[in-house]
Amino acid sequence: MEIVIAVLYTVVVIVALLLIGLVLIQQSKTGGFGSTFGGVGESVFGAQAVNHLSKLTVILTTVFFILSLLLAAISGQRAEENRKVKAMNNELTVDAEAVKVENKSNSAEVEKKIEEEPAVPAKKQAE
């Protein structure tokens, strides 16, 4: 599971970097950063690049959100499992402490009984 989560985080980072690049090279209505370098989006990718870059941006944004939701769901599930494990450990610890206290009280009672009972000679025990 750890490997899957690491791969998903890596893909999310790569998609985020691609989105940043795509948004920066697109020419906005007012010029923007894309036109700063002489319309890099159009001159490098062709006249129809704006439509393709917009579609690619929408696709990558969708992938980014889906992966983010998936990672959030996995993290929530793992947190719930961790809470359950901690609760079980606490219960076991409480049970173990109760057993220790019970054993101590039982051993104290046995010691009292031994002290209260008179010593019986070995011959009488055999009879």
C-alpha atoms as a PDB file:
ATOM      1  CA  MET A   1       0.000   0.000   0.000  1.00  0.00           C
ATOM      2  CA  GLU A   2       2.884   2.343   0.775  1.00  0.00           C
ATOM      3  CA  ILE A   3       4.250   1.920  -2.757  1.00  0.00           C
ATOM      4  CA  VAL A   4       0.877   2.750  -4.312  1.00  0.00           C
ATOM      5  CA  ILE A   5       0.609   5.911  -2.215  1.00  0.00           C
ATOM      6  CA  ALA A   6       4.146   6.961  -3.159  1.00  0.00           C
ATOM      7  CA  VAL A   7       3.394   6.425  -6.855  1.00  0.00           C
ATOM      8  CA  LEU A   8       0.142   8.408  -6.588  1.00  0.00           C
ATOM      9  CA  TYR A   9       1.914  11.314  -4.874  1.00  0.00           C
ATOM     10  CA  THR A  10       4.581  11.270  -7.582  1.00  0.00           C
ATOM     11  CA  VAL A  11       1.956  11.342 -10.334  1.00  0.00           C
ATOM     12  CA  VAL A  12       0.123  14.209  -8.602  1.00  0.00           C
ATOM     13  CA  VAL A  13       3.337  16.252  -8.437  1.00  0.00           C
ATOM     14  CA  ILE A  14       4.133  15.575 -12.107  1.00  0.00           C
ATOM     15  CA  VAL A  15       0.587  16.503 -13.180  1.00  0.00           C
ATOM     16  CA  ALA A  16       0.755  19.675 -11.085  1.00  0.00           C
ATOM     17  CA  LEU A  17       4.046  20.692 -12.725  1.00  0.00           C
ATOM     18  CA  LEU A  18       2.604  19.989 -16.188  1.00  0.00           C
ATOM     19  CA  LEU A  19      -0.449  22.088 -15.337  1.00  0.00           C
ATOM     20  CA  ILE A  20       1.758  24.973 -14.226  1.00  0.00           C
ATOM     21  CA  GLY A  21       3.676  24.786 -17.493  1.00  0.00           C
ATOM     22  CA  LEU A  22       0.530  24.559 -19.605  1.00  0.00           C
ATOM     23  CA  VAL A  23      -1.104  27.512 -17.904  1.00  0.00           C
ATOM     24  CA  LEU A  24       2.017  29.637 -18.272  1.00  0.00           C
ATOM     25  CA  ILE A  25       2.456  29.024 -22.009  1.00  0.00           C
ATOM     26  CA  GLN A  26      -1.171  29.674 -22.889  1.00  0.00           C
ATOM     27  CA  GLN A  27      -1.953  33.085 -24.217  1.00  0.00           C
ATOM     28  CA  SER A  28      -4.564  34.861 -22.161  1.00  0.00           C
ATOM     29  CA  LYS A  29      -7.072  37.383 -23.479  1.00  0.00           C
ATOM     30  CA  THR A  30      -4.934  40.264 -22.239  1.00  0.00           C
ATOM     31  CA  GLY A  31      -1.614  38.855 -23.405  1.00  0.00           C
ATOM     32  CA  GLY A  32      -0.298  37.321 -20.200  1.00  0.00           C
ATOM     33  CA  PHE A  33       2.945  35.447 -19.709  1.00  0.00           C
ATOM     34  CA  GLY A  34       2.474  33.416 -22.897  1.00  0.00           C
ATOM     35  CA  SER A  35       2.690  36.507 -25.064  1.00  0.00           C
ATOM     36  CA  THR A  36       5.728  37.828 -23.192  1.00  0.00           C
ATOM     37  CA  PHE A  37       7.944  35.595 -25.294  1.00  0.00           C
ATOM     38  CA  GLY A  38       6.230  36.475 -28.535  1.00  0.00           C
ATOM     39  CA  GLY A  39       3.266  34.129 -28.282  1.00  0.00           C
ATOM     40  CA  VAL A  40       5.218  30.994 -27.440  1.00  0.00           C
ATOM     41  CA  GLY A  41       2.055  28.900 -27.339  1.00  0.00           C
ATOM     42  CA  GLU A  42       1.081  29.693 -30.918  1.00  0.00           C
ATOM     43  CA  SER A  43       4.470  29.907 -32.595  1.00  0.00           C
ATOM     44  CA  VAL A  44       5.852  26.676 -31.146  1.00  0.00           C
ATOM     45  CA  PHE A  45       2.764  24.502 -31.302  1.00  0.00           C
ATOM     46  CA  GLY A  46       0.971  25.919 -34.350  1.00  0.00           C
ATOM     47  CA  ALA A  47      -2.192  27.932 -34.922  1.00  0.00           C
ATOM     48  CA  GLN A  48      -4.545  25.334 -33.429  1.00  0.00           C
ATOM     49  CA  ALA A  49      -2.374  24.920 -30.328  1.00  0.00           C
ATOM     50  CA  VAL A  50      -4.649  27.089 -28.195  1.00  0.00           C
ATOM     51  CA  ASN A  51      -7.537  24.646 -28.557  1.00  0.00           C
ATOM     52  CA  HIS A  52      -5.329  21.622 -27.899  1.00  0.00           C
ATOM     53  CA  LEU A  53      -3.592  23.248 -24.953  1.00  0.00           C
ATOM     54  CA  SER A  54      -6.960  24.185 -23.438  1.00  0.00           C
ATOM     55  CA  LYS A  55      -8.245  20.633 -23.832  1.00  0.00           C
ATOM     56  CA  LEU A  56      -5.048  19.215 -22.357  1.00  0.00           C
ATOM     57  CA  THR A  57      -5.325  21.624 -19.430  1.00  0.00           C
ATOM     58  CA  VAL A  58      -8.883  20.457 -18.726  1.00  0.00           C
ATOM     59  CA  ILE A  59      -7.817  16.804 -18.921  1.00  0.00           C
ATOM     60  CA  LEU A  60      -4.825  17.296 -16.612  1.00  0.00           C
ATOM     61  CA  THR A  61      -6.939  19.295 -14.166  1.00  0.00           C
ATOM     62  CA  THR A  62      -9.488  16.479 -14.056  1.00  0.00           C
ATOM     63  CA  VAL A  63      -6.736  13.898 -13.478  1.00  0.00           C
ATOM     64  CA  PHE A  64      -5.235  16.092 -10.741  1.00  0.00           C
ATOM     65  CA  PHE A  65      -8.547  16.387  -8.876  1.00  0.00           C
ATOM     66  CA  ILE A  66      -9.344  12.684  -9.190  1.00  0.00           C
ATOM     67  CA  LEU A  67      -5.909  11.714  -7.872  1.00  0.00           C
ATOM     68  CA  SER A  68      -6.203  14.230  -5.039  1.00  0.00           C
ATOM     69  CA  LEU A  69      -9.594  12.827  -4.000  1.00  0.00           C
ATOM     70  CA  LEU A  70      -8.242   9.289  -4.207  1.00  0.00           C
ATOM     71  CA  LEU A  71      -5.285  10.166  -1.990  1.00  0.00           C
ATOM     72  CA  ALA A  72      -7.584  11.900   0.493  1.00  0.00           C
ATOM     73  CA  ALA A  73      -9.814   8.817   0.667  1.00  0.00           C
ATOM     74  CA  ILE A  74      -6.843   6.510   1.180  1.00  0.00           C
ATOM     75  CA  SER A  75      -5.403   8.771   3.877  1.00  0.00           C
ATOM     76  CA  GLY A  76      -8.754   8.911   5.681  1.00  0.00           C
ATOM     77  CA  GLN A  77      -9.090   5.143   5.561  1.00  0.00           C
ATOM     78  CA  ARG A  78      -5.565   4.657   6.917  1.00  0.00           C
ATOM     79  CA  ALA A  79      -6.214   7.161   9.715  1.00  0.00           C
ATOM     80  CA  GLU A  80      -9.367   5.266  10.712  1.00  0.00           C
ATOM     81  CA  GLU A  81      -7.449   1.978  10.752  1.00  0.00           C
ATOM     82  CA  ASN A  82      -4.737   3.561  12.911  1.00  0.00           C
ATOM     83  CA  ARG A  83      -7.379   4.809  15.374  1.00  0.00           C
ATOM     84  CA  LYS A  84      -8.871   1.324  15.617  1.00  0.00           C
ATOM     85  CA  VAL A  85      -5.450  -0.245  16.226  1.00  0.00           C
ATOM     86  CA  LYS A  86      -4.663   2.315  18.940  1.00  0.00           C
ATOM     87  CA  ALA A  87      -8.022   1.682  20.596  1.00  0.00           C
ATOM     88  CA  MET A  88      -7.389  -2.073  20.567  1.00  0.00           C
ATOM     89  CA  ASN A  89      -3.927  -1.542  22.049  1.00  0.00           C
ATOM     90  CA  ASN A  90      -5.409   0.634  24.801  1.00  0.00           C
ATOM     91  CA  GLU A  91      -8.000  -2.041  25.596  1.00  0.00           C
ATOM     92  CA  LEU A  92      -5.330  -4.717  25.744  1.00  0.00           C
ATOM     93  CA  THR A  93      -3.186  -2.558  28.003  1.00  0.00           C
ATOM     94  CA  VAL A  94      -6.118  -1.904  30.342  1.00  0.00           C
ATOM     95  CA  ASP A  95      -6.982  -5.624  30.373  1.00  0.00           C
ATOM     96  CA  ALA A  96      -3.365  -6.569  31.092  1.00  0.00           C
ATOM     97  CA  GLU A  97      -3.190  -4.058  33.952  1.00  0.00           C
ATOM     98  CA  ALA A  98      -6.454  -5.413  35.388  1.00  0.00           C
ATOM     99  CA  VAL A  99      -5.058  -8.941  35.278  1.00  0.00           C
ATOM    100  CA  LYS A 100      -1.874  -7.792  37.039  1.00  0.00           C
ATOM    101  CA  VAL A 101      -3.905  -6.072  39.773  1.00  0.00           C
ATOM    102  CA  GLU A 102      -6.127  -9.136  40.145  1.00  0.00           C
ATOM    103  CA  ASN A 103      -3.092 -11.429  40.362  1.00  0.00           C
ATOM    104  CA  LYS A 104      -1.529  -9.194  43.013  1.00  0.00           C
ATOM    105  CA  SER A 105      -4.704  -9.184  45.097  1.00  0.00           C
ATOM    106  CA  ASN A 106      -5.069 -12.953  44.703  1.00  0.00           C
ATOM    107  CA  SER A 107      -1.468 -13.526  45.755  1.00  0.00           C
ATOM    108  CA  ALA A 108      -1.956 -11.200  48.745  1.00  0.00           C
ATOM    109  CA  GLU A 109      -5.026 -13.204  49.796  1.00  0.00           C
ATOM    110  CA  VAL A 110      -3.140 -16.479  49.435  1.00  0.00           C
ATOM    111  CA  GLU A 111      -0.276 -15.116  51.528  1.00  0.00           C
ATOM    112  CA  LYS A 112      -2.754 -14.032  54.229  1.00  0.00           C
ATOM    113  CA  LYS A 113      -4.312 -17.490  54.277  1.00  0.00           C
ATOM    114  CA  ILE A 114      -0.913 -19.118  54.559  1.00  0.00           C
ATOM    115  CA  GLU A 115       0.005 -16.859  57.448  1.00  0.00           C
ATOM    116  CA  GLU A 116      -3.325 -17.427  59.216  1.00  0.00           C
ATOM    117  CA  GLU A 117      -3.301 -21.224  58.939  1.00  0.00           C
ATOM    118  CA  PRO A 118      -1.239 -22.971  61.578  1.00  0.00           C
ATOM    119  CA  ALA A 119       1.641 -25.024  60.352  1.00  0.00           C
ATOM    120  CA  VAL A 120       0.653 -28.670  60.017  1.00  0.00           C
ATOM    121  CA  PRO A 121       3.362 -31.222  60.788  1.00  0.00           C
ATOM    122  CA  ALA A 122       4.428 -33.390  57.883  1.00  0.00           C
ATOM    123  CA  LYS A 123       3.158 -36.547  59.553  1.00  0.00           C
ATOM    124  CA  LYS A 124      -0.375 -35.189  59.842  1.00  0.00           C
ATOM    125  CA  GLN A 125      -0.346 -34.079  56.212  1.00  0.00           C
ATOM    126  CA  ALA A 126       0.483 -37.606  55.126  1.00  0.00           C
ATOM    127  CA  GLU A 127      -2.492 -39.071  56.978  1.00  0.00           C
END
